C-alpha atoms as a PDB file:
ATOM      1  CA  GLN A   1       0.000   0.000   0.000  1.00  0.00           C
ATOM      2  CA  VAL A   2       1.007   3.581  -0.691  1.00  0.00           C
ATOM      3  CA  GLN A   3      -0.230   6.612   1.216  1.00  0.00           C
ATOM      4  CA  LEU A   4      -0.283  10.212  -0.002  1.00  0.00           C
ATOM      5  CA  VAL A   5      -0.334  13.065   2.511  1.00  0.00           C
ATOM      6  CA  GLU A   6      -0.982  16.595   1.306  1.00  0.00           C
ATOM      7  CA  SER A   7      -0.238  19.886   3.015  1.00  0.00           C
ATOM      8  CA  GLY A   8      -0.139  23.594   2.254  1.00  0.00           C
ATOM      9  CA  GLY A   9      -3.709  24.503   1.456  1.00  0.00           C
ATOM     10  CA  GLY A  10      -5.423  27.518   2.968  1.00  0.00           C
ATOM     11  CA  LEU A  11      -7.091  30.863   2.455  1.00  0.00           C
ATOM     12  CA  VAL A  12      -5.394  33.597   0.463  1.00  0.00           C
ATOM     13  CA  GLN A  13      -6.477  36.817  -1.206  1.00  0.00           C
ATOM     14  CA  ALA A  14      -6.762  36.866  -4.966  1.00  0.00           C
ATOM     15  CA  GLY A  15      -3.343  37.528  -6.447  1.00  0.00           C
ATOM     16  CA  GLY A  16      -1.600  35.699  -3.643  1.00  0.00           C
ATOM     17  CA  SER A  17       0.416  32.486  -3.623  1.00  0.00           C
ATOM     18  CA  LEU A  18       0.299  29.082  -1.994  1.00  0.00           C
ATOM     19  CA  ARG A  19       2.520  26.018  -2.210  1.00  0.00           C
ATOM     20  CA  LEU A  20       1.082  22.529  -1.928  1.00  0.00           C
ATOM     21  CA  SER A  21       3.138  19.484  -1.005  1.00  0.00           C
ATOM     22  CA  CYS A  22       2.316  15.804  -1.264  1.00  0.00           C
ATOM     23  CA  ALA A  23       4.517  13.116   0.220  1.00  0.00           C
ATOM     24  CA  ALA A  24       4.148   9.465  -0.716  1.00  0.00           C
ATOM     25  CA  SER A  25       5.028   6.769   1.797  1.00  0.00           C
ATOM     26  CA  GLY A  26       4.548   3.058   2.337  1.00  0.00           C
ATOM     27  CA  ASN A  27       5.716   0.005   0.447  1.00  0.00           C
ATOM     28  CA  ILE A  28       6.868   1.909  -2.622  1.00  0.00           C
ATOM     29  CA  PHE A  29       8.881   0.278  -5.358  1.00  0.00           C
ATOM     30  CA  SER A  30       8.580   3.089  -7.883  1.00  0.00           C
ATOM     31  CA  ILE A  31       6.420   6.089  -8.691  1.00  0.00           C
ATOM     32  CA  ASN A  32       5.666   7.031 -12.284  1.00  0.00           C
ATOM     33  CA  ALA A  33       3.550  10.112 -12.901  1.00  0.00           C
ATOM     34  CA  MET A  34       2.429  12.365 -10.055  1.00  0.00           C
ATOM     35  CA  GLY A  35      -0.082  15.118 -10.328  1.00  0.00           C
ATOM     36  CA  TRP A  36      -2.579  17.505  -8.843  1.00  0.00           C
ATOM     37  CA  TYR A  37      -6.300  17.536  -9.536  1.00  0.00           C
ATOM     38  CA  ARG A  38      -8.983  19.833  -8.188  1.00  0.00           C
ATOM     39  CA  GLN A  39     -12.700  19.719  -7.652  1.00  0.00           C
ATOM     40  CA  SER A  40     -15.090  22.517  -6.784  1.00  0.00           C
ATOM     41  CA  PRO A  41     -18.748  22.074  -5.777  1.00  0.00           C
ATOM     42  CA  GLY A  42     -20.930  20.919  -8.634  1.00  0.00           C
ATOM     43  CA  LYS A  43     -18.011  20.311 -10.961  1.00  0.00           C
ATOM     44  CA  GLN A  44     -16.062  17.269 -12.034  1.00  0.00           C
ATOM     45  CA  ARG A  45     -12.551  16.650 -10.800  1.00  0.00           C
ATOM     46  CA  GLU A  46     -10.092  18.093 -13.285  1.00  0.00           C
ATOM     47  CA  LEU A  47      -6.377  17.785 -13.914  1.00  0.00           C
ATOM     48  CA  VAL A  48      -4.383  20.813 -12.820  1.00  0.00           C
ATOM     49  CA  ALA A  49      -0.833  19.654 -13.502  1.00  0.00           C
ATOM     50  CA  ALA A  50       1.141  16.443 -13.837  1.00  0.00           C
ATOM     51  CA  ILE A  51       4.807  15.478 -13.898  1.00  0.00           C
ATOM     52  CA  THR A  52       6.494  12.266 -14.991  1.00  0.00           C
ATOM     53  CA  SER A  53       9.404  10.596 -13.250  1.00  0.00           C
ATOM     54  CA  ASP A  54      11.816  12.191 -15.727  1.00  0.00           C
ATOM     55  CA  GLY A  55      10.398  15.677 -15.187  1.00  0.00           C
ATOM     56  CA  SER A  56       8.090  16.177 -18.161  1.00  0.00           C
ATOM     57  CA  THR A  57       5.168  18.384 -17.193  1.00  0.00           C
ATOM     58  CA  ASN A  58       1.618  19.008 -18.359  1.00  0.00           C
ATOM     59  CA  TYR A  59      -0.691  21.829 -17.263  1.00  0.00           C
ATOM     60  CA  ALA A  60      -4.327  22.752 -17.622  1.00  0.00           C
ATOM     61  CA  ALA A  61      -4.696  25.775 -19.878  1.00  0.00           C
ATOM     62  CA  SER A  62      -6.328  27.735 -17.057  1.00  0.00           C
ATOM     63  CA  VAL A  63      -3.231  27.542 -14.829  1.00  0.00           C
ATOM     64  CA  LYS A  64      -0.406  27.632 -17.350  1.00  0.00           C
ATOM     65  CA  GLY A  65       2.019  30.423 -16.538  1.00  0.00           C
ATOM     66  CA  ARG A  66       0.727  30.770 -12.965  1.00  0.00           C
ATOM     67  CA  PHE A  67       1.253  27.304 -11.446  1.00  0.00           C
ATOM     68  CA  THR A  68       4.443  25.238 -11.401  1.00  0.00           C
ATOM     69  CA  ILE A  69       4.630  21.536 -10.593  1.00  0.00           C
ATOM     70  CA  SER A  70       7.858  19.935  -9.432  1.00  0.00           C
ATOM     71  CA  ARG A  71       8.965  16.781  -7.647  1.00  0.00           C
ATOM     72  CA  ASP A  72      11.742  15.429  -5.509  1.00  0.00           C
ATOM     73  CA  ASN A  73      12.164  11.786  -6.452  1.00  0.00           C
ATOM     74  CA  ALA A  74      14.472  11.087  -3.511  1.00  0.00           C
ATOM     75  CA  LYS A  75      11.694  12.188  -1.135  1.00  0.00           C
ATOM     76  CA  ASN A  76       8.772  10.802  -3.177  1.00  0.00           C
ATOM     77  CA  THR A  77       7.249  14.256  -2.957  1.00  0.00           C
ATOM     78  CA  VAL A  78       5.449  16.445  -5.471  1.00  0.00           C
ATOM     79  CA  TYR A  79       4.875  20.178  -5.135  1.00  0.00           C
ATOM     80  CA  LEU A  80       2.520  22.694  -6.695  1.00  0.00           C
ATOM     81  CA  GLN A  81       3.537  26.352  -6.549  1.00  0.00           C
ATOM     82  CA  MET A  82       0.458  28.462  -7.192  1.00  0.00           C
ATOM     83  CA  ASN A  83       0.939  32.142  -7.976  1.00  0.00           C
ATOM     84  CA  SER A  84      -1.503  34.871  -9.004  1.00  0.00           C
ATOM     85  CA  LEU A  85      -4.378  32.882  -7.539  1.00  0.00           C
ATOM     86  CA  LYS A  86      -7.857  33.702  -8.759  1.00  0.00           C
ATOM     87  CA  PRO A  87     -11.224  33.096  -7.083  1.00  0.00           C
ATOM     88  CA  GLU A  88     -11.932  30.474  -9.752  1.00  0.00           C
ATOM     89  CA  ASP A  89      -8.945  28.462  -8.465  1.00  0.00           C
ATOM     90  CA  THR A  90     -10.905  27.819  -5.277  1.00  0.00           C
ATOM     91  CA  ALA A  91     -11.371  24.061  -4.910  1.00  0.00           C
ATOM     92  CA  VAL A  92     -10.278  20.976  -3.043  1.00  0.00           C
ATOM     93  CA  TYR A  93      -6.917  19.944  -4.472  1.00  0.00           C
ATOM     94  CA  TYR A  94      -6.044  16.254  -4.625  1.00  0.00           C
ATOM     95  CA  CYS A  95      -2.642  14.672  -5.060  1.00  0.00           C
ATOM     96  CA  ASN A  96      -2.397  11.672  -7.377  1.00  0.00           C
ATOM     97  CA  ALA A  97       0.367   9.146  -7.931  1.00  0.00           C
ATOM     98  CA  GLU A  98       0.759   6.171 -10.233  1.00  0.00           C
ATOM     99  CA  ALA A  99       2.868   3.822  -8.154  1.00  0.00           C
ATOM    100  CA  VAL A 100       4.160   0.285  -8.046  1.00  0.00           C
ATOM    101  CA  ASP A 101       4.460  -1.212  -4.594  1.00  0.00           C
ATOM    102  CA  VAL A 102       6.961  -3.826  -3.461  1.00  0.00           C
ATOM    103  CA  THR A 103       4.612  -6.667  -4.427  1.00  0.00           C
ATOM    104  CA  GLY A 104       4.586  -5.424  -8.021  1.00  0.00           C
ATOM    105  CA  SER A 105       1.054  -4.100  -7.824  1.00  0.00           C
ATOM    106  CA  TYR A 106       0.458  -1.018  -9.998  1.00  0.00           C
ATOM    107  CA  GLU A 107      -2.248   1.326  -8.755  1.00  0.00           C
ATOM    108  CA  ASN A 108      -3.474   4.879  -8.944  1.00  0.00           C
ATOM    109  CA  TYR A 109      -3.392   6.486  -5.500  1.00  0.00           C
ATOM    110  CA  TRP A 110      -5.141   9.612  -4.188  1.00  0.00           C
ATOM    111  CA  GLY A 111      -4.527  11.913  -1.265  1.00  0.00           C
ATOM    112  CA  GLN A 112      -7.271  13.055   1.078  1.00  0.00           C
ATOM    113  CA  GLY A 113      -7.514  16.523  -0.456  1.00  0.00           C
ATOM    114  CA  THR A 114      -6.637  19.994   0.781  1.00  0.00           C
ATOM    115  CA  GLN A 115      -8.819  23.074   0.505  1.00  0.00           C
ATOM    116  CA  VAL A 116      -7.530  26.091  -1.416  1.00  0.00           C
ATOM    117  CA  THR A 117      -9.583  29.270  -1.244  1.00  0.00           C
ATOM    118  CA  ALA A 118      -8.712  32.471  -3.096  1.00  0.00           C
ATOM    119  CA  SER A 119     -10.970  35.299  -1.938  1.00  0.00           C
ATOM    120  CA  SER A 120     -11.845  38.269  -4.111  1.00  0.00           C
END
């Protein structure tokens, strides 16, 4: 089993910044892609940003140029630096990891979610 623990959410004024962290732990053999998704009330969960094990990144059009995803493979941790936050960025942000555990089982894991609120 692999566990994902997120931190760094909170309340910030529009235009402000927040940094999210997500640390993976447990019986990890390897982690492939890691990413951040978000979901606001009444909407489907959507991809915000993703990063592969070799550092290739992908961003939603709505956050490109404002958000930066990065990872520390030695720490099994992924980060999301969010700048110039807008009220429409308000959502619960979920960490995601595609991981192989020590038994060889490949699964898609999710964190518990962290609330990000950008007030106008």
